[in-house]
Amino acid sequence: MQSREIYSAFSKYVHSYDEICLLLSVAPESHAGLFYIALGLFHRDRDVRIKTADLLERIGDHEAGQHWWRALSRFEKLAYIRIKRDAELESSDLSKGKAVPGIGMVAFGPNIDKRAS
């Protein structure tokens, strides 16, 4: 719960050029850089994962932040791409009026009546 609040605060308050510069100044390149922020991509709360991906996108668009973005591991970048892709697919499905599993409904597989033993 506490980590959720931390990631939400970063997402809520880091938008402008100066705010991103301030964040980057406390995430020095020689001491893991954006590693601890990128851990939010693996948070169990879906909302935190999306907010973290949005924050990393803003950092990647930032002139100085591009350097930190390139220092992220391939694993972190793949997680970012997966989260952004899933969010875009979900928003396009919602705009078309399709039901999206996990939002207001439960998706069951074809073997729902079978008992696992």
PDB file of N, CA and C in Angstrom:
ATOM      1  N   MET A   1       0.821  -1.191   0.000  1.00  0.00           N
ATOM      2  CA  MET A   1       0.000   0.000   0.000  1.00  0.00           C
ATOM      3  C   MET A   1       0.872   1.264   0.000  1.00  0.00           C
ATOM      4  N   GLN A   2       1.964   1.225   0.768  1.00  0.00           N
ATOM      5  CA  GLN A   2       2.843   2.387   0.838  1.00  0.00           C
ATOM      6  C   GLN A   2       3.549   2.619  -0.490  1.00  0.00           C
ATOM      7  N   SER A   3       3.981   1.545  -1.139  1.00  0.00           N
ATOM      8  CA  SER A   3       4.648   1.723  -2.429  1.00  0.00           C
ATOM      9  C   SER A   3       3.669   2.275  -3.460  1.00  0.00           C
ATOM     10  N   ARG A   4       2.406   1.883  -3.361  1.00  0.00           N
ATOM     11  CA  ARG A   4       1.381   2.416  -4.271  1.00  0.00           C
ATOM     12  C   ARG A   4       1.280   3.937  -4.115  1.00  0.00           C
ATOM     13  N   GLU A   5       1.303   4.406  -2.894  1.00  0.00           N
ATOM     14  CA  GLU A   5       1.218   5.838  -2.634  1.00  0.00           C
ATOM     15  C   GLU A   5       2.439   6.581  -3.168  1.00  0.00           C
ATOM     16  N   ILE A   6       3.607   5.980  -3.049  1.00  0.00           N
ATOM     17  CA  ILE A   6       4.838   6.605  -3.547  1.00  0.00           C
ATOM     18  C   ILE A   6       4.803   6.730  -5.063  1.00  0.00           C
ATOM     19  N   TYR A   7       4.457   5.642  -5.747  1.00  0.00           N
ATOM     20  CA  TYR A   7       4.394   5.685  -7.214  1.00  0.00           C
ATOM     21  C   TYR A   7       3.296   6.632  -7.699  1.00  0.00           C
ATOM     22  N   SER A   8       2.180   6.670  -6.999  1.00  0.00           N
ATOM     23  CA  SER A   8       1.100   7.586  -7.377  1.00  0.00           C
ATOM     24  C   SER A   8       1.530   9.040  -7.213  1.00  0.00           C
ATOM     25  N   ALA A   9       2.286   9.318  -6.157  1.00  0.00           N
ATOM     26  CA  ALA A   9       2.776  10.687  -5.945  1.00  0.00           C
ATOM     27  C   ALA A   9       3.746  11.096  -7.047  1.00  0.00           C
ATOM     28  N   PHE A  10       4.650  10.202  -7.422  1.00  0.00           N
ATOM     29  CA  PHE A  10       5.569  10.504  -8.529  1.00  0.00           C
ATOM     30  C   PHE A  10       4.774  10.817  -9.790  1.00  0.00           C
ATOM     31  N   SER A  11       3.797   9.991 -10.093  1.00  0.00           N
ATOM     32  CA  SER A  11       3.002  10.175 -11.303  1.00  0.00           C
ATOM     33  C   SER A  11       2.199  11.473 -11.263  1.00  0.00           C
ATOM     34  N   LYS A  12       1.703  11.815 -10.090  1.00  0.00           N
ATOM     35  CA  LYS A  12       0.856  12.996  -9.950  1.00  0.00           C
ATOM     36  C   LYS A  12       1.632  14.303 -10.009  1.00  0.00           C
ATOM     37  N   TYR A  13       2.856  14.313  -9.468  1.00  0.00           N
ATOM     38  CA  TYR A  13       3.578  15.576  -9.289  1.00  0.00           C
ATOM     39  C   TYR A  13       4.768  15.785 -10.217  1.00  0.00           C
ATOM     40  N   VAL A  14       5.100  14.830 -11.057  1.00  0.00           N
ATOM     41  CA  VAL A  14       6.258  14.990 -11.939  1.00  0.00           C
ATOM     42  C   VAL A  14       5.765  15.081 -13.383  1.00  0.00           C
ATOM     43  N   HIS A  15       5.629  16.335 -13.860  1.00  0.00           N
ATOM     44  CA  HIS A  15       5.142  16.561 -15.224  1.00  0.00           C
ATOM     45  C   HIS A  15       6.013  17.548 -16.001  1.00  0.00           C
ATOM     46  N   SER A  16       6.348  18.658 -15.404  1.00  0.00           N
ATOM     47  CA  SER A  16       7.034  19.721 -16.140  1.00  0.00           C
ATOM     48  C   SER A  16       8.515  19.400 -16.335  1.00  0.00           C
ATOM     49  N   TYR A  17       9.129  20.195 -17.173  1.00  0.00           N
ATOM     50  CA  TYR A  17      10.554  20.042 -17.464  1.00  0.00           C
ATOM     51  C   TYR A  17      11.375  20.115 -16.176  1.00  0.00           C
ATOM     52  N   ASP A  18      11.091  21.117 -15.341  1.00  0.00           N
ATOM     53  CA  ASP A  18      11.834  21.306 -14.094  1.00  0.00           C
ATOM     54  C   ASP A  18      11.587  20.179 -13.098  1.00  0.00           C
ATOM     55  N   GLU A  19      10.359  19.683 -13.029  1.00  0.00           N
ATOM     56  CA  GLU A  19      10.050  18.587 -12.110  1.00  0.00           C
ATOM     57  C   GLU A  19      10.772  17.316 -12.511  1.00  0.00           C
ATOM     58  N   ILE A  20      10.850  17.057 -13.803  1.00  0.00           N
ATOM     59  CA  ILE A  20      11.588  15.883 -14.275  1.00  0.00           C
ATOM     60  C   ILE A  20      13.074  16.047 -13.999  1.00  0.00           C
ATOM     61  N   CYS A  21      13.608  17.259 -14.201  1.00  0.00           N
ATOM     62  CA  CYS A  21      15.026  17.514 -13.872  1.00  0.00           C
ATOM     63  C   CYS A  21      15.296  17.261 -12.392  1.00  0.00           C
ATOM     64  N   LEU A  22      14.383  17.695 -11.537  1.00  0.00           N
ATOM     65  CA  LEU A  22      14.546  17.481 -10.101  1.00  0.00           C
ATOM     66  C   LEU A  22      14.531  15.991  -9.771  1.00  0.00           C
ATOM     67  N   LEU A  23      13.620  15.248 -10.371  1.00  0.00           N
ATOM     68  CA  LEU A  23      13.567  13.804 -10.146  1.00  0.00           C
ATOM     69  C   LEU A  23      14.857  13.134 -10.612  1.00  0.00           C
ATOM     70  N   LEU A  24      15.348  13.535 -11.781  1.00  0.00           N
ATOM     71  CA  LEU A  24      16.575  12.939 -12.306  1.00  0.00           C
ATOM     72  C   LEU A  24      17.780  13.290 -11.445  1.00  0.00           C
ATOM     73  N   SER A  25      17.744  14.425 -10.799  1.00  0.00           N
ATOM     74  CA  SER A  25      18.877  14.820  -9.956  1.00  0.00           C
ATOM     75  C   SER A  25      18.991  13.946  -8.709  1.00  0.00           C
ATOM     76  N   VAL A  26      17.886  13.345  -8.270  1.00  0.00           N
ATOM     77  CA  VAL A  26      17.944  12.446  -7.116  1.00  0.00           C
ATOM     78  C   VAL A  26      17.981  10.977  -7.535  1.00  0.00           C
ATOM     79  N   ALA A  27      18.008  10.730  -8.830  1.00  0.00           N
ATOM     80  CA  ALA A  27      18.156   9.371  -9.363  1.00  0.00           C
ATOM     81  C   ALA A  27      19.463   9.315 -10.144  1.00  0.00           C
ATOM     82  N   PRO A  28      20.596   9.463  -9.443  1.00  0.00           N
ATOM     83  CA  PRO A  28      21.868   9.563 -10.154  1.00  0.00           C
ATOM     84  C   PRO A  28      22.171   8.310 -10.965  1.00  0.00           C
ATOM     85  N   GLU A  29      22.721   8.565 -12.107  1.00  0.00           N
ATOM     86  CA  GLU A  29      23.036   7.501 -13.054  1.00  0.00           C
ATOM     87  C   GLU A  29      23.949   6.441 -12.447  1.00  0.00           C
ATOM     88  N   SER A  30      24.887   6.855 -11.615  1.00  0.00           N
ATOM     89  CA  SER A  30      25.849   5.914 -11.058  1.00  0.00           C
ATOM     90  C   SER A  30      25.268   5.068  -9.926  1.00  0.00           C
ATOM     91  N   HIS A  31      24.079   5.405  -9.444  1.00  0.00           N
ATOM     92  CA  HIS A  31      23.453   4.645  -8.362  1.00  0.00           C
ATOM     93  C   HIS A  31      22.097   4.113  -8.789  1.00  0.00           C
ATOM     94  N   ALA A  32      22.050   3.323  -9.801  1.00  0.00           N
ATOM     95  CA  ALA A  32      20.876   2.604 -10.303  1.00  0.00           C
ATOM     96  C   ALA A  32      19.943   3.442 -11.170  1.00  0.00           C
ATOM     97  N   GLY A  33      20.095   4.737 -11.228  1.00  0.00           N
ATOM     98  CA  GLY A  33      19.280   5.562 -12.114  1.00  0.00           C
ATOM     99  C   GLY A  33      17.793   5.395 -11.869  1.00  0.00           C
ATOM    100  N   LEU A  34      17.053   4.993 -12.892  1.00  0.00           N
ATOM    101  CA  LEU A  34      15.600   4.851 -12.798  1.00  0.00           C
ATOM    102  C   LEU A  34      15.167   3.454 -12.366  1.00  0.00           C
ATOM    103  N   PHE A  35      16.095   2.629 -11.940  1.00  0.00           N
ATOM    104  CA  PHE A  35      15.776   1.249 -11.576  1.00  0.00           C
ATOM    105  C   PHE A  35      14.641   1.174 -10.569  1.00  0.00           C
ATOM    106  N   TYR A  36      14.723   1.953  -9.499  1.00  0.00           N
ATOM    107  CA  TYR A  36      13.710   1.871  -8.444  1.00  0.00           C
ATOM    108  C   TYR A  36      12.364   2.431  -8.895  1.00  0.00           C
ATOM    109  N   ILE A  37      12.387   3.389  -9.783  1.00  0.00           N
ATOM    110  CA  ILE A  37      11.120   3.861 -10.347  1.00  0.00           C
ATOM    111  C   ILE A  37      10.548   2.804 -11.287  1.00  0.00           C
ATOM    112  N   ALA A  38      11.402   2.188 -12.092  1.00  0.00           N
ATOM    113  CA  ALA A  38      10.959   1.169 -13.040  1.00  0.00           C
ATOM    114  C   ALA A  38      10.407  -0.072 -12.336  1.00  0.00           C
ATOM    115  N   LEU A  39      10.744  -0.279 -11.079  1.00  0.00           N
ATOM    116  CA  LEU A  39      10.159  -1.406 -10.342  1.00  0.00           C
ATOM    117  C   LEU A  39       8.642  -1.284 -10.262  1.00  0.00           C
ATOM    118  N   GLY A  40       8.126  -0.077 -10.403  1.00  0.00           N
ATOM    119  CA  GLY A  40       6.682   0.122 -10.415  1.00  0.00           C
ATOM    120  C   GLY A  40       6.006  -0.562 -11.592  1.00  0.00           C
ATOM    121  N   LEU A  41       6.762  -0.890 -12.622  1.00  0.00           N
ATOM    122  CA  LEU A  41       6.209  -1.616 -13.771  1.00  0.00           C
ATOM    123  C   LEU A  41       5.817  -3.043 -13.391  1.00  0.00           C
ATOM    124  N   PHE A  42       6.304  -3.512 -12.264  1.00  0.00           N
ATOM    125  CA  PHE A  42       6.055  -4.885 -11.825  1.00  0.00           C
ATOM    126  C   PHE A  42       5.208  -4.929 -10.549  1.00  0.00           C
ATOM    127  N   HIS A  43       4.621  -3.808 -10.189  1.00  0.00           N
ATOM    128  CA  HIS A  43       3.774  -3.726  -8.993  1.00  0.00           C
ATOM    129  C   HIS A  43       2.529  -4.580  -9.206  1.00  0.00           C
ATOM    130  N   ARG A  44       1.992  -5.128  -8.130  1.00  0.00           N
ATOM    131  CA  ARG A  44       0.816  -5.999  -8.281  1.00  0.00           C
ATOM    132  C   ARG A  44      -0.451  -5.221  -8.632  1.00  0.00           C
ATOM    133  N   ASP A  45      -0.459  -3.914  -8.370  1.00  0.00           N
ATOM    134  CA  ASP A  45      -1.609  -3.069  -8.679  1.00  0.00           C
ATOM    135  C   ASP A  45      -1.496  -2.557 -10.119  1.00  0.00           C
ATOM    136  N   ARG A  46      -2.479  -2.874 -10.926  1.00  0.00           N
ATOM    137  CA  ARG A  46      -2.465  -2.504 -12.341  1.00  0.00           C
ATOM    138  C   ARG A  46      -2.381  -0.992 -12.538  1.00  0.00           C
ATOM    139  N   ASP A  47      -3.082  -0.239 -11.706  1.00  0.00           N
ATOM    140  CA  ASP A  47      -3.078   1.219 -11.807  1.00  0.00           C
ATOM    141  C   ASP A  47      -1.664   1.774 -11.594  1.00  0.00           C
ATOM    142  N   VAL A  48      -0.938   1.207 -10.667  1.00  0.00           N
ATOM    143  CA  VAL A  48       0.445   1.640 -10.409  1.00  0.00           C
ATOM    144  C   VAL A  48       1.322   1.340 -11.626  1.00  0.00           C
ATOM    145  N   ARG A  49       1.131   0.182 -12.231  1.00  0.00           N
ATOM    146  CA  ARG A  49       1.927  -0.158 -13.423  1.00  0.00           C
ATOM    147  C   ARG A  49       1.687   0.844 -14.552  1.00  0.00           C
ATOM    148  N   ILE A  50       0.431   1.216 -14.764  1.00  0.00           N
ATOM    149  CA  ILE A  50       0.102   2.166 -15.829  1.00  0.00           C
ATOM    150  C   ILE A  50       0.658   3.547 -15.519  1.00  0.00           C
ATOM    151  N   LYS A  51       0.516   3.998 -14.276  1.00  0.00           N
ATOM    152  CA  LYS A  51       1.038   5.315 -13.898  1.00  0.00           C
ATOM    153  C   LYS A  51       2.564   5.358 -14.011  1.00  0.00           C
ATOM    154  N   THR A  52       3.213   4.264 -13.652  1.00  0.00           N
ATOM    155  CA  THR A  52       4.668   4.206 -13.770  1.00  0.00           C
ATOM    156  C   THR A  52       5.087   4.250 -15.230  1.00  0.00           C
ATOM    157  N   ALA A  53       4.370   3.544 -16.089  1.00  0.00           N
ATOM    158  CA  ALA A  53       4.677   3.575 -17.523  1.00  0.00           C
ATOM    159  C   ALA A  53       4.497   4.980 -18.081  1.00  0.00           C
ATOM    160  N   ASP A  54       3.455   5.670 -17.657  1.00  0.00           N
ATOM    161  CA  ASP A  54       3.241   7.048 -18.112  1.00  0.00           C
ATOM    162  C   ASP A  54       4.362   7.967 -17.640  1.00  0.00           C
ATOM    163  N   LEU A  55       4.793   7.784 -16.386  1.00  0.00           N
ATOM    164  CA  LEU A  55       5.894   8.595 -15.856  1.00  0.00           C
ATOM    165  C   LEU A  55       7.181   8.325 -16.636  1.00  0.00           C
ATOM    166  N   LEU A  56       7.468   7.062 -16.909  1.00  0.00           N
ATOM    167  CA  LEU A  56       8.680   6.734 -17.661  1.00  0.00           C
ATOM    168  C   LEU A  56       8.606   7.268 -19.087  1.00  0.00           C
ATOM    169  N   GLU A  57       7.415   7.319 -19.635  1.00  0.00           N
ATOM    170  CA  GLU A  57       7.247   7.898 -20.968  1.00  0.00           C
ATOM    171  C   GLU A  57       7.570   9.387 -20.952  1.00  0.00           C
ATOM    172  N   ARG A  58       7.100  10.091 -19.925  1.00  0.00           N
ATOM    173  CA  ARG A  58       7.411  11.513 -19.803  1.00  0.00           C
ATOM    174  C   ARG A  58       8.909  11.728 -19.627  1.00  0.00           C
ATOM    175  N   ILE A  59       9.546  10.868 -18.853  1.00  0.00           N
ATOM    176  CA  ILE A  59      10.997  10.974 -18.655  1.00  0.00           C
ATOM    177  C   ILE A  59      11.723  10.693 -19.968  1.00  0.00           C
ATOM    178  N   GLY A  60      11.268   9.703 -20.720  1.00  0.00           N
ATOM    179  CA  GLY A  60      11.887   9.382 -22.004  1.00  0.00           C
ATOM    180  C   GLY A  60      11.736  10.487 -23.035  1.00  0.00           C
ATOM    181  N   ASP A  61      10.664  11.265 -22.929  1.00  0.00           N
ATOM    182  CA  ASP A  61      10.450  12.393 -23.839  1.00  0.00           C
ATOM    183  C   ASP A  61      11.262  13.622 -23.441  1.00  0.00           C
ATOM    184  N   HIS A  62      11.712  13.638 -22.208  1.00  0.00           N
ATOM    185  CA  HIS A  62      12.493  14.757 -21.666  1.00  0.00           C
ATOM    186  C   HIS A  62      13.903  14.725 -22.254  1.00  0.00           C
ATOM    187  N   GLU A  63      14.427  15.880 -22.568  1.00  0.00           N
ATOM    188  CA  GLU A  63      15.755  15.969 -23.206  1.00  0.00           C
ATOM    189  C   GLU A  63      16.835  15.267 -22.380  1.00  0.00           C
ATOM    190  N   ALA A  64      16.924  15.569 -21.102  1.00  0.00           N
ATOM    191  CA  ALA A  64      17.921  14.925 -20.247  1.00  0.00           C
ATOM    192  C   ALA A  64      17.497  13.508 -19.860  1.00  0.00           C
ATOM    193  N   GLY A  65      16.200  13.279 -19.764  1.00  0.00           N
ATOM    194  CA  GLY A  65      15.697  11.972 -19.362  1.00  0.00           C
ATOM    195  C   GLY A  65      15.976  10.872 -20.357  1.00  0.00           C
ATOM    196  N   GLN A  66      16.211  11.229 -21.605  1.00  0.00           N
ATOM    197  CA  GLN A  66      16.522  10.221 -22.622  1.00  0.00           C
ATOM    198  C   GLN A  66      17.761   9.425 -22.260  1.00  0.00           C
ATOM    199  N   HIS A  67      18.706  10.073 -21.616  1.00  0.00           N
ATOM    200  CA  HIS A  67      19.930   9.387 -21.190  1.00  0.00           C
ATOM    201  C   HIS A  67      19.605   8.317 -20.147  1.00  0.00           C
ATOM    202  N   TRP A  68      18.728   8.657 -19.196  1.00  0.00           N
ATOM    203  CA  TRP A  68      18.333   7.697 -18.170  1.00  0.00           C
ATOM    204  C   TRP A  68      17.475   6.587 -18.776  1.00  0.00           C
ATOM    205  N   TRP A  69      16.638   6.948 -19.735  1.00  0.00           N
ATOM    206  CA  TRP A  69      15.779   5.967 -20.400  1.00  0.00           C
ATOM    207  C   TRP A  69      16.634   4.902 -21.088  1.00  0.00           C
ATOM    208  N   ARG A  70      17.677   5.325 -21.763  1.00  0.00           N
ATOM    209  CA  ARG A  70      18.546   4.366 -22.453  1.00  0.00           C
ATOM    210  C   ARG A  70      19.264   3.442 -21.478  1.00  0.00           C
ATOM    211  N   ALA A  71      19.422   3.846 -20.233  1.00  0.00           N
ATOM    212  CA  ALA A  71      20.109   3.026 -19.239  1.00  0.00           C
ATOM    213  C   ALA A  71      19.206   1.958 -18.621  1.00  0.00           C
ATOM    214  N   LEU A  72      17.895   2.006 -18.908  1.00  0.00           N
ATOM    215  CA  LEU A  72      17.010   0.969 -18.387  1.00  0.00           C
ATOM    216  C   LEU A  72      17.361  -0.365 -19.028  1.00  0.00           C
ATOM    217  N   SER A  73      17.140  -1.434 -18.304  1.00  0.00           N
ATOM    218  CA  SER A  73      17.437  -2.764 -18.833  1.00  0.00           C
ATOM    219  C   SER A  73      16.405  -3.151 -19.893  1.00  0.00           C
ATOM    220  N   ARG A  74      16.747  -4.130 -20.667  1.00  0.00           N
ATOM    221  CA  ARG A  74      15.846  -4.612 -21.705  1.00  0.00           C
ATOM    222  C   ARG A  74      14.572  -5.186 -21.071  1.00  0.00           C
ATOM    223  N   PHE A  75      14.735  -5.845 -19.955  1.00  0.00           N
ATOM    224  CA  PHE A  75      13.600  -6.421 -19.225  1.00  0.00           C
ATOM    225  C   PHE A  75      12.613  -5.329 -18.816  1.00  0.00           C
ATOM    226  N   GLU A  76      13.118  -4.205 -18.314  1.00  0.00           N
ATOM    227  CA  GLU A  76      12.262  -3.094 -17.915  1.00  0.00           C
ATOM    228  C   GLU A  76      11.589  -2.456 -19.124  1.00  0.00           C
ATOM    229  N   LYS A  77      12.315  -2.327 -20.213  1.00  0.00           N
ATOM    230  CA  LYS A  77      11.728  -1.743 -21.428  1.00  0.00           C
ATOM    231  C   LYS A  77      10.640  -2.646 -22.011  1.00  0.00           C
ATOM    232  N   LEU A  78      10.846  -3.960 -21.956  1.00  0.00           N
ATOM    233  CA  LEU A  78       9.814  -4.878 -22.443  1.00  0.00           C
ATOM    234  C   LEU A  78       8.561  -4.815 -21.581  1.00  0.00           C
ATOM    235  N   ALA A  79       8.741  -4.674 -20.278  1.00  0.00           N
ATOM    236  CA  ALA A  79       7.587  -4.524 -19.388  1.00  0.00           C
ATOM    237  C   ALA A  79       6.842  -3.232 -19.712  1.00  0.00           C
ATOM    238  N   TYR A  80       7.581  -2.159 -19.948  1.00  0.00           N
ATOM    239  CA  TYR A  80       6.976  -0.878 -20.321  1.00  0.00           C
ATOM    240  C   TYR A  80       6.154  -1.037 -21.610  1.00  0.00           C
ATOM    241  N   ILE A  81       6.724  -1.656 -22.614  1.00  0.00           N
ATOM    242  CA  ILE A  81       6.036  -1.837 -23.895  1.00  0.00           C
ATOM    243  C   ILE A  81       4.777  -2.676 -23.712  1.00  0.00           C
ATOM    244  N   ARG A  82       4.856  -3.731 -22.929  1.00  0.00           N
ATOM    245  CA  ARG A  82       3.701  -4.596 -22.690  1.00  0.00           C
ATOM    246  C   ARG A  82       2.576  -3.827 -21.992  1.00  0.00           C
ATOM    247  N   ILE A  83       2.917  -3.052 -20.993  1.00  0.00           N
ATOM    248  CA  ILE A  83       1.911  -2.290 -20.243  1.00  0.00           C
ATOM    249  C   ILE A  83       1.240  -1.247 -21.138  1.00  0.00           C
ATOM    250  N   LYS A  84       2.033  -0.525 -21.921  1.00  0.00           N
ATOM    251  CA  LYS A  84       1.470   0.491 -22.821  1.00  0.00           C
ATOM    252  C   LYS A  84       0.574  -0.162 -23.882  1.00  0.00           C
ATOM    253  N   ARG A  85       1.016  -1.291 -24.423  1.00  0.00           N
ATOM    254  CA  ARG A  85       0.229  -1.985 -25.442  1.00  0.00           C
ATOM    255  C   ARG A  85      -1.100  -2.463 -24.866  1.00  0.00           C
ATOM    256  N   ASP A  86      -1.060  -3.058 -23.674  1.00  0.00           N
ATOM    257  CA  ASP A  86      -2.291  -3.536 -23.040  1.00  0.00           C
ATOM    258  C   ASP A  86      -3.243  -2.391 -22.723  1.00  0.00           C
ATOM    259  N   ALA A  87      -2.715  -1.268 -22.268  1.00  0.00           N
ATOM    260  CA  ALA A  87      -3.555  -0.108 -21.955  1.00  0.00           C
ATOM    261  C   ALA A  87      -4.197   0.442 -23.224  1.00  0.00           C
ATOM    262  N   GLU A  88      -3.451   0.484 -24.327  1.00  0.00           N
ATOM    263  CA  GLU A  88      -4.007   0.974 -25.593  1.00  0.00           C
ATOM    264  C   GLU A  88      -5.077   0.030 -26.126  1.00  0.00           C
ATOM    265  N   LEU A  89      -4.840  -1.280 -26.037  1.00  0.00           N
ATOM    266  CA  LEU A  89      -5.841  -2.245 -26.486  1.00  0.00           C
ATOM    267  C   LEU A  89      -7.112  -2.137 -25.661  1.00  0.00           C
ATOM    268  N   GLU A  90      -6.945  -1.971 -24.365  1.00  0.00           N
ATOM    269  CA  GLU A  90      -8.097  -1.848 -23.485  1.00  0.00           C
ATOM    270  C   GLU A  90      -8.898  -0.588 -23.798  1.00  0.00           C
ATOM    271  N   SER A  91      -8.205   0.527 -24.006  1.00  0.00           N
ATOM    272  CA  SER A  91      -8.925   1.768 -24.295  1.00  0.00           C
ATOM    273  C   SER A  91      -9.626   1.699 -25.646  1.00  0.00           C
ATOM    274  N   SER A  92      -9.022   1.027 -26.623  1.00  0.00           N
ATOM    275  CA  SER A  92      -9.686   0.901 -27.923  1.00  0.00           C
ATOM    276  C   SER A  92     -10.888  -0.028 -27.829  1.00  0.00           C
ATOM    277  N   ASP A  93     -10.792  -1.088 -27.014  1.00  0.00           N
ATOM    278  CA  ASP A  93     -11.936  -1.978 -26.819  1.00  0.00           C
ATOM    279  C   ASP A  93     -13.072  -1.261 -26.098  1.00  0.00           C
ATOM    280  N   LEU A  94     -12.729  -0.432 -25.114  1.00  0.00           N
ATOM    281  CA  LEU A  94     -13.764   0.313 -24.394  1.00  0.00           C
ATOM    282  C   LEU A  94     -14.446   1.328 -25.296  1.00  0.00           C
ATOM    283  N   SER A  95     -13.675   1.948 -26.198  1.00  0.00           N
ATOM    284  CA  SER A  95     -14.270   2.939 -27.090  1.00  0.00           C
ATOM    285  C   SER A  95     -15.189   2.279 -28.123  1.00  0.00           C
ATOM    286  N   LYS A  96     -14.933   1.007 -28.409  1.00  0.00           N
ATOM    287  CA  LYS A  96     -15.784   0.276 -29.350  1.00  0.00           C
ATOM    288  C   LYS A  96     -16.972  -0.370 -28.648  1.00  0.00           C
ATOM    289  N   GLY A  97     -17.017  -0.273 -27.319  1.00  0.00           N
ATOM    290  CA  GLY A  97     -18.136  -0.838 -26.573  1.00  0.00           C
ATOM    291  C   GLY A  97     -17.977  -2.298 -26.229  1.00  0.00           C
ATOM    292  N   LYS A  98     -16.796  -2.868 -26.421  1.00  0.00           N
ATOM    293  CA  LYS A  98     -16.569  -4.269 -26.093  1.00  0.00           C
ATOM    294  C   LYS A  98     -16.297  -4.409 -24.603  1.00  0.00           C
ATOM    295  N   ALA A  99     -16.685  -5.542 -24.058  1.00  0.00           N
ATOM    296  CA  ALA A  99     -16.400  -5.828 -22.650  1.00  0.00           C
ATOM    297  C   ALA A  99     -14.945  -6.254 -22.531  1.00  0.00           C
ATOM    298  N   VAL A 100     -14.278  -5.700 -21.538  1.00  0.00           N
ATOM    299  CA  VAL A 100     -12.872  -6.013 -21.311  1.00  0.00           C
ATOM    300  C   VAL A 100     -12.760  -6.809 -20.023  1.00  0.00           C
ATOM    301  N   PRO A 101     -12.173  -8.022 -20.076  1.00  0.00           N
ATOM    302  CA  PRO A 101     -12.022  -8.814 -18.855  1.00  0.00           C
ATOM    303  C   PRO A 101     -11.262  -8.033 -17.793  1.00  0.00           C
ATOM    304  N   GLY A 102     -11.747  -8.141 -16.566  1.00  0.00           N
ATOM    305  CA  GLY A 102     -11.081  -7.464 -15.465  1.00  0.00           C
ATOM    306  C   GLY A 102     -11.676  -6.112 -15.148  1.00  0.00           C
ATOM    307  N   ILE A 103     -12.574  -5.626 -16.004  1.00  0.00           N
ATOM    308  CA  ILE A 103     -13.213  -4.335 -15.757  1.00  0.00           C
ATOM    309  C   ILE A 103     -14.718  -4.564 -15.734  1.00  0.00           C
ATOM    310  N   GLY A 104     -15.246  -4.724 -14.561  1.00  0.00           N
ATOM    311  CA  GLY A 104     -16.678  -4.884 -14.415  1.00  0.00           C
ATOM    312  C   GLY A 104     -17.208  -6.257 -14.773  1.00  0.00           C
ATOM    313  N   MET A 105     -16.352  -7.199 -15.103  1.00  0.00           N
ATOM    314  CA  MET A 105     -16.800  -8.552 -15.396  1.00  0.00           C
ATOM    315  C   MET A 105     -15.671  -9.521 -15.106  1.00  0.00           C
ATOM    316  N   VAL A 106     -16.006 -10.775 -15.033  1.00  0.00           N
ATOM    317  CA  VAL A 106     -15.001 -11.795 -14.788  1.00  0.00           C
ATOM    318  C   VAL A 106     -14.948 -12.687 -16.005  1.00  0.00           C
ATOM    319  N   ALA A 107     -13.748 -12.930 -16.503  1.00  0.00           N
ATOM    320  CA  ALA A 107     -13.583 -13.800 -17.659  1.00  0.00           C
ATOM    321  C   ALA A 107     -13.254 -15.207 -17.165  1.00  0.00           C
ATOM    322  N   PHE A 108     -13.998 -16.172 -17.659  1.00  0.00           N
ATOM    323  CA  PHE A 108     -13.760 -17.557 -17.285  1.00  0.00           C
ATOM    324  C   PHE A 108     -13.309 -18.334 -18.506  1.00  0.00           C
ATOM    325  N   GLY A 109     -12.484 -19.313 -18.269  1.00  0.00           N
ATOM    326  CA  GLY A 109     -12.017 -20.163 -19.351  1.00  0.00           C
ATOM    327  C   GLY A 109     -13.046 -21.216 -19.696  1.00  0.00           C
ATOM    328  N   PRO A 110     -12.780 -22.025 -20.721  1.00  0.00           N
ATOM    329  CA  PRO A 110     -13.747 -23.027 -21.173  1.00  0.00           C
ATOM    330  C   PRO A 110     -13.919 -24.160 -20.182  1.00  0.00           C
ATOM    331  N   ASN A 111     -13.012 -24.366 -19.269  1.00  0.00           N
ATOM    332  CA  ASN A 111     -13.061 -25.485 -18.338  1.00  0.00           C
ATOM    333  C   ASN A 111     -13.462 -25.040 -16.938  1.00  0.00           C
ATOM    334  N   ILE A 112     -14.432 -24.176 -16.841  1.00  0.00           N
ATOM    335  CA  ILE A 112     -14.804 -23.629 -15.548  1.00  0.00           C
ATOM    336  C   ILE A 112     -15.406 -24.672 -14.621  1.00  0.00           C
ATOM    337  N   ASP A 113     -16.094 -25.668 -15.175  1.00  0.00           N
ATOM    338  CA  ASP A 113     -16.760 -26.663 -14.349  1.00  0.00           C
ATOM    339  C   ASP A 113     -15.818 -27.770 -13.901  1.00  0.00           C
ATOM    340  N   LYS A 114     -14.644 -27.838 -14.459  1.00  0.00           N
ATOM    341  CA  LYS A 114     -13.706 -28.897 -14.093  1.00  0.00           C
ATOM    342  C   LYS A 114     -12.994 -28.538 -12.807  1.00  0.00           C
ATOM    343  N   ARG A 115     -12.826 -29.517 -11.977  1.00  0.00           N
ATOM    344  CA  ARG A 115     -12.152 -29.320 -10.701  1.00  0.00           C
ATOM    345  C   ARG A 115     -10.690 -29.728 -10.844  1.00  0.00           C
ATOM    346  N   ALA A 116      -9.797 -28.882 -10.359  1.00  0.00           N
ATOM    347  CA  ALA A 116      -8.385 -29.220 -10.359  1.00  0.00           C
ATOM    348  C   ALA A 116      -8.085 -30.067  -9.149  1.00  0.00           C
ATOM    349  N   SER A 117      -7.433 -31.199  -9.361  1.00  0.00           N
ATOM    350  CA  SER A 117      -7.120 -32.062  -8.226  1.00  0.00           C
ATOM    351  C   SER A 117      -5.638 -32.277  -8.098  1.00  0.00           C
TER     352      SER A 117
END
